[in-house]
Protein backbone atom coordinates (compact mmCIF):
# COMPACT_ATOMS: atom_id res chain seq x y z
CA MET A 1 -9.87 -3.29 -2.82
CA LYS A 2 -11.28 -6.44 -1.22
CA MET A 3 -11.18 -6.52 2.57
CA LEU A 4 -10.20 -10.01 3.66
CA MET A 5 -10.11 -9.20 7.37
CA GLU A 6 -10.83 -6.04 9.33
CA ASP A 7 -11.02 -5.32 13.04
CA ASN A 8 -12.70 -1.94 13.54
CA ASP A 9 -11.68 -1.82 17.20
CA THR A 10 -7.92 -2.12 16.59
CA GLY A 11 -7.57 -1.02 12.93
CA LEU A 12 -5.97 -4.35 11.97
CA MET A 13 -6.68 -5.04 8.29
CA THR A 14 -5.74 -7.44 5.49
CA ALA A 15 -6.69 -6.38 1.96
CA LEU A 16 -6.27 -7.63 -1.59
CA VAL A 17 -5.67 -4.54 -3.70
CA ARG A 18 -5.84 -4.20 -7.48
CA PHE A 19 -4.23 -1.12 -9.01
CA ARG A 20 -5.21 -0.35 -12.59
CA PRO A 21 -2.36 0.74 -14.88
CA GLY A 22 -1.40 4.29 -13.96
CA ALA A 23 -3.14 4.16 -10.56
CA ALA A 24 -1.52 5.99 -7.64
CA LEU A 25 -2.15 6.48 -3.95
CA PRO A 26 -1.65 10.08 -2.81
CA ASP A 27 0.80 11.00 -0.07
CA HIS A 28 0.08 9.01 3.04
CA GLU A 29 1.67 8.00 6.31
CA HIS A 30 1.84 4.49 7.71
CA VAL A 31 0.68 4.97 11.28
CA GLU A 32 1.94 1.49 12.19
CA LEU A 33 3.83 -1.25 10.36
CA GLU A 34 2.51 -2.04 6.85
CA GLN A 35 3.47 -5.16 4.89
CA THR A 36 2.77 -5.84 1.20
CA TRP A 37 3.36 -8.86 -0.99
CA VAL A 38 3.08 -8.05 -4.71
CA LEU A 39 1.29 -10.89 -6.51
CA GLU A 40 1.23 -9.44 -10.03
CA GLY A 41 2.74 -6.39 -11.74
CA ALA A 42 4.78 -3.88 -9.75
CA LEU A 43 4.32 -1.19 -7.13
CA GLU A 44 6.76 1.71 -6.85
CA ASP A 45 7.60 4.79 -4.84
CA ASP A 46 10.64 7.02 -4.35
CA GLU A 47 12.38 4.21 -2.42
CA GLY A 48 12.21 1.73 -5.32
CA VAL A 49 10.14 -0.84 -7.21
CA VAL A 50 8.59 -4.03 -5.79
CA THR A 51 7.85 -6.61 -8.48
CA ALA A 52 5.64 -9.73 -8.54
CA GLY A 53 6.66 -12.34 -5.99
CA ASN A 54 8.42 -9.83 -3.76
CA TYR A 55 7.64 -8.40 -0.34
CA VAL A 56 8.06 -4.91 1.10
CA TRP A 57 7.33 -3.41 4.49
CA ARG A 58 7.12 0.15 5.71
CA PRO A 59 7.73 1.15 9.33
CA ALA A 60 5.42 3.34 11.38
CA GLY A 61 5.87 6.97 10.36
CA ASN A 62 6.91 6.19 6.77
CA CYS A 63 5.37 8.68 4.30
CA HIS A 64 5.25 8.03 0.58
CA HIS A 65 3.34 8.24 -2.69
CA ALA A 66 2.77 4.74 -4.18
CA ARG A 67 2.03 4.12 -7.86
CA ALA A 68 1.55 1.25 -10.30
CA PRO A 69 2.43 2.48 -13.80
CA ASN A 70 1.57 -0.89 -15.40
CA GLY A 71 -0.94 -2.14 -12.83
CA CYS A 72 -0.51 -4.33 -9.77
CA ILE A 73 -2.25 -6.84 -7.53
CA ALA A 74 -0.99 -6.86 -3.95
CA LEU A 75 -1.85 -8.41 -0.61
CA SER A 76 -1.40 -5.81 2.14
CA PHE A 77 -1.44 -6.09 5.92
CA PHE A 78 -1.99 -3.06 8.15
CA LEU A 79 -1.88 -2.78 11.95
CA LYS A 80 -3.66 0.61 11.78
CA PRO A 81 -5.23 2.45 8.80
CA ASN A 82 -3.01 4.80 6.79
CA LYS A 83 -3.30 8.54 7.30
CA PHE A 84 -3.86 10.25 3.94
CA PHE A 85 -2.89 13.87 3.36
CA ASP A 86 -5.09 16.33 1.46
CA THR A 87 -2.50 17.39 -1.08
CA PRO A 88 -1.29 14.68 -3.50
CA THR A 89 2.33 14.69 -4.65
CA PRO A 90 2.96 15.94 -8.21
C-alpha cells in the first residue's frame, strides 16, 4: 500500500493498494464512507465483483471480507480508517 495522502487528525486517507493474487483483507468495518476505483484486476466480496475501470463505494457501517483471487490494483479513499476484527472470515 502506498499512502498518497493522509491526515492523522481526521483519518482522511487516499491510498494506492496492490493486492497479490489470492490476497484478502479480513473482516472489517467501514467506519465512514469508503470509495474504491479498481485500476487493474478485480476485487470481490459477498456483494459482488468490481473489475478494472469500475468504481465501488461502501457506506459507513458496512462490514465485509474483500479478496483479489487474481490480483488487483486499486485507488481507495477513506474518510476514517477501517476497523478490523480479530477473527478473519473462513
